[in-house]
Amino acid sequence: LQEVVNSFDKYAGPCLTDRNSRDPEFHSFYTTQQTNPRILVESLELIQHIGLLKKSGNFLDLGAFRGLIPIVVGAMFGLNAYGIEARPGAVSLANKVIEGMKNEGYFSETNCGVYLGNFFPNDFDVSTYIKWSGSEKNIPSFVKSRNPYNQMGLELNDFDIVFFYQYNNNIVPILTMLAQRCKKDALILIPDKIDSIH
């Protein structure tokens, strides 16, 4: 893990806590609560140990930001690892890191990439979000942005593992979407804080 994270850091540059907090591209959430990749790695090792991790399976990180989670998963577990992120600058940086790491020999047998847009399915719209959440208040901007699934050539039901961080209190629409759109045997990994995953 440390070798992968060191390679990531080499291409990603300074961590976000060093960034100007007024930079509108980055929400303050990302500077205060990062999912610890060690916890995810331990969870995936357990999943692998009990035989539920499919070699060359598909992994999706909903809200990938700089791509650390899909990069770690792709580099360490041989999964095709994808991320979706609504911030263009973060997507650009994530893919710059991935390209640099490819030159070092990572991801030679798998796909890894972070895609710009809304992580809800292709036919999803704001009215569906309102229906699922039960509220017209606080509709996140990502609901209104473009859809990346066409760029990936995949849909939610193509993923074996879906990971997302609970970054706001309105988790119901996301869980509803996953229950309706993921395949039956997909694993959904959700960190409850920064120190455990369910």
Protein backbone atom coordinates (compact mmCIF):
# COMPACT_ATOMS: atom_id res chain seq x y z
CA LEU A 1 0.00 0.00 0.00
CA GLN A 2 2.70 2.48 0.93
CA GLU A 3 4.47 2.01 -2.41
CA VAL A 4 1.24 2.76 -4.30
CA VAL A 5 0.47 5.80 -2.13
CA ASN A 6 4.03 7.10 -2.58
CA SER A 7 3.67 6.81 -6.36
CA PHE A 8 0.29 8.56 -6.16
CA ASP A 9 1.80 11.40 -4.11
CA LYS A 10 4.65 11.81 -6.58
CA TYR A 11 2.22 12.65 -9.39
CA ALA A 12 -0.59 14.29 -7.37
CA GLY A 13 1.57 16.86 -5.64
CA PRO A 14 0.76 18.47 -2.28
CA CYS A 15 -2.19 17.17 -0.35
CA LEU A 16 -5.36 19.23 -0.32
CA THR A 17 -4.82 20.52 3.18
CA ASP A 18 -1.99 22.58 1.66
CA ARG A 19 -4.33 24.14 -0.91
CA ASN A 20 -5.88 27.53 -0.59
CA SER A 21 -9.15 26.84 1.25
CA ARG A 22 -10.88 29.44 -0.91
CA ASP A 23 -10.26 27.43 -4.08
CA PRO A 24 -13.84 26.93 -5.36
CA GLU A 25 -12.88 23.72 -7.15
CA PHE A 26 -12.50 21.83 -3.87
CA HIS A 27 -15.17 21.48 -1.20
CA SER A 28 -13.97 21.73 2.39
CA PHE A 29 -15.15 18.15 3.06
CA TYR A 30 -12.23 16.78 1.11
CA THR A 31 -9.68 18.66 3.17
CA THR A 32 -11.01 17.39 6.48
CA GLN A 33 -12.24 13.82 5.96
CA GLN A 34 -10.41 11.53 3.58
CA THR A 35 -11.23 7.84 3.47
CA ASN A 36 -8.22 5.96 4.76
CA PRO A 37 -7.08 3.63 1.94
CA ARG A 38 -5.68 1.20 4.53
CA ILE A 39 -9.21 0.50 5.79
CA LEU A 40 -10.42 -0.17 2.24
CA VAL A 41 -7.44 -2.43 1.51
CA GLU A 42 -8.12 -4.45 4.67
CA SER A 43 -11.79 -4.78 3.68
CA LEU A 44 -10.89 -5.95 0.17
CA GLU A 45 -8.33 -8.41 1.54
CA LEU A 46 -11.07 -9.92 3.70
CA ILE A 47 -13.44 -10.06 0.70
CA GLN A 48 -10.65 -11.72 -1.30
CA HIS A 49 -9.95 -14.20 1.49
CA ILE A 50 -13.56 -15.40 1.59
CA GLY A 51 -13.63 -15.75 -2.19
CA LEU A 52 -15.90 -12.87 -3.15
CA LEU A 53 -13.33 -10.77 -5.00
CA LYS A 54 -13.43 -11.52 -8.72
CA LYS A 55 -10.12 -11.17 -10.54
CA SER A 56 -10.52 -8.61 -13.34
CA GLY A 57 -13.84 -7.55 -11.82
CA ASN A 58 -15.10 -3.97 -11.99
CA PHE A 59 -14.80 -1.54 -9.07
CA LEU A 60 -16.51 1.88 -8.97
CA ASP A 61 -15.84 4.77 -6.59
CA LEU A 62 -18.77 7.22 -6.49
CA GLY A 63 -17.18 10.59 -5.75
CA ALA A 64 -13.58 9.64 -6.50
CA PHE A 65 -12.06 13.11 -6.11
CA ARG A 66 -8.31 12.77 -6.88
CA GLY A 67 -8.67 9.06 -7.63
CA LEU A 68 -6.72 7.61 -4.71
CA ILE A 69 -9.28 4.87 -3.99
CA PRO A 70 -9.59 3.52 -7.58
CA ILE A 71 -5.83 3.83 -8.02
CA VAL A 72 -5.12 1.77 -4.89
CA VAL A 73 -7.74 -0.83 -5.85
CA GLY A 74 -6.52 -1.14 -9.44
CA ALA A 75 -2.85 -1.30 -8.48
CA MET A 76 -3.19 -3.74 -5.59
CA PHE A 77 -6.07 -6.05 -6.50
CA GLY A 78 -6.03 -6.35 -10.30
CA LEU A 79 -9.54 -4.97 -10.65
CA ASN A 80 -10.71 -2.63 -13.37
CA ALA A 81 -11.06 0.42 -11.16
CA TYR A 82 -13.16 3.43 -12.11
CA GLY A 83 -14.16 6.60 -10.34
CA ILE A 84 -16.76 9.27 -10.99
CA GLU A 85 -16.23 12.83 -9.80
CA ALA A 86 -18.13 16.08 -10.41
CA ARG A 87 -15.13 18.46 -10.16
CA PRO A 88 -13.23 18.89 -13.44
CA GLY A 89 -9.94 19.85 -11.79
CA ALA A 90 -9.97 16.77 -9.56
CA VAL A 91 -10.75 14.50 -12.55
CA SER A 92 -7.91 16.02 -14.55
CA LEU A 93 -5.46 15.55 -11.68
CA ALA A 94 -6.61 11.96 -11.04
CA ASN A 95 -6.07 10.98 -14.66
CA LYS A 96 -2.67 12.69 -14.72
CA VAL A 97 -1.68 10.54 -11.74
CA ILE A 98 -3.01 7.40 -13.44
CA GLU A 99 -1.04 8.14 -16.63
CA GLY A 100 2.15 8.69 -14.63
CA MET A 101 1.65 5.45 -12.73
CA LYS A 102 0.95 3.55 -15.97
CA ASN A 103 4.42 4.63 -17.11
CA GLU A 104 5.77 2.96 -13.96
CA GLY A 105 4.05 -0.32 -14.87
CA TYR A 106 0.85 -0.05 -12.85
CA PHE A 107 -2.46 -1.00 -14.50
CA SER A 108 -0.80 -2.98 -17.31
CA GLU A 109 -3.53 -5.64 -17.22
CA THR A 110 -6.46 -3.58 -15.95
CA ASN A 111 -8.32 -0.37 -16.71
CA CYS A 112 -8.17 2.55 -14.33
CA GLY A 113 -9.71 5.98 -14.83
CA VAL A 114 -11.73 8.77 -13.23
CA TYR A 115 -14.62 10.24 -15.21
CA LEU A 116 -16.34 13.60 -14.96
CA GLY A 117 -20.01 13.86 -14.13
CA ASN A 118 -23.01 12.68 -12.20
CA PHE A 119 -22.82 9.16 -10.79
CA PHE A 120 -26.55 8.51 -11.10
CA PRO A 121 -27.61 6.28 -14.05
CA ASN A 122 -28.08 7.51 -17.62
CA ASP A 123 -31.87 7.81 -17.33
CA PHE A 124 -31.74 9.54 -13.96
CA ASP A 125 -32.94 13.13 -13.65
CA VAL A 126 -33.67 15.73 -10.99
CA SER A 127 -37.31 14.61 -10.62
CA THR A 128 -36.12 11.08 -9.78
CA TYR A 129 -33.77 12.49 -7.15
CA ILE A 130 -36.64 14.46 -5.59
CA LYS A 131 -38.83 11.34 -5.61
CA TRP A 132 -36.14 9.16 -4.00
CA SER A 133 -35.03 11.74 -1.43
CA GLY A 134 -38.53 12.96 -0.59
CA SER A 135 -37.38 16.57 -0.74
CA GLU A 136 -36.89 19.39 -3.21
CA LYS A 137 -34.37 21.04 -0.88
CA ASN A 138 -30.61 20.85 -1.24
CA ILE A 139 -30.43 19.11 -4.61
CA PRO A 140 -26.68 18.57 -5.07
CA SER A 141 -25.04 20.10 -8.12
CA PHE A 142 -23.75 16.68 -9.24
CA VAL A 143 -27.33 15.62 -10.01
CA LYS A 144 -27.44 18.26 -12.74
CA SER A 145 -24.06 17.53 -14.33
CA ARG A 146 -23.25 15.25 -17.26
CA ASN A 147 -23.29 11.49 -17.13
CA PRO A 148 -19.98 9.58 -17.37
CA TYR A 149 -21.27 6.03 -17.93
CA ASN A 150 -21.23 6.39 -21.72
CA GLN A 151 -17.55 7.40 -21.56
CA MET A 152 -16.75 4.30 -19.50
CA GLY A 153 -18.86 2.04 -21.70
CA LEU A 154 -20.38 0.60 -18.51
CA GLU A 155 -23.53 0.91 -16.40
CA LEU A 156 -24.02 0.45 -12.67
CA ASN A 157 -25.04 -3.18 -13.14
CA ASP A 158 -21.60 -3.91 -14.65
CA PHE A 159 -19.79 -3.30 -11.35
CA ASP A 160 -18.90 -6.00 -8.84
CA ILE A 161 -17.97 -3.55 -6.07
CA VAL A 162 -19.27 -0.02 -5.53
CA PHE A 163 -17.67 2.26 -2.96
CA PHE A 164 -18.92 5.62 -1.76
CA TYR A 165 -18.31 7.92 1.16
CA GLN A 166 -21.30 9.37 2.98
CA TYR A 167 -20.47 13.01 2.35
CA ASN A 168 -23.86 14.42 3.22
CA ASN A 169 -26.84 13.39 5.27
CA ASN A 170 -29.04 12.62 2.27
CA ILE A 171 -27.93 9.04 1.66
CA VAL A 172 -31.40 7.69 0.80
CA PRO A 173 -31.32 8.54 -2.95
CA ILE A 174 -27.91 6.92 -3.34
CA LEU A 175 -28.89 3.74 -1.50
CA THR A 176 -32.15 3.61 -3.48
CA MET A 177 -30.23 3.94 -6.72
CA LEU A 178 -27.77 1.19 -5.73
CA ALA A 179 -30.55 -1.16 -4.63
CA GLN A 180 -32.39 -0.69 -7.92
CA ARG A 181 -29.50 -0.54 -10.37
CA CYS A 182 -26.61 -2.68 -9.11
CA LYS A 183 -26.45 -6.38 -9.93
CA LYS A 184 -27.72 -8.76 -7.26
CA ASP A 185 -24.32 -9.97 -6.11
CA ALA A 186 -22.60 -6.56 -6.13
CA LEU A 187 -20.81 -5.55 -2.95
CA ILE A 188 -21.50 -2.04 -1.68
CA LEU A 189 -18.76 -0.63 0.57
CA ILE A 190 -19.64 2.41 2.68
CA PRO A 191 -17.26 3.88 5.26
CA ASP A 192 -19.25 5.16 8.21
CA LYS A 193 -16.48 7.47 9.34
CA ILE A 194 -12.81 7.37 8.35
CA ASP A 195 -11.94 4.28 10.34
CA SER A 196 -14.36 1.51 9.30
CA ILE A 197 -16.27 0.20 6.29
CA HIS A 198 -19.64 -1.56 6.15
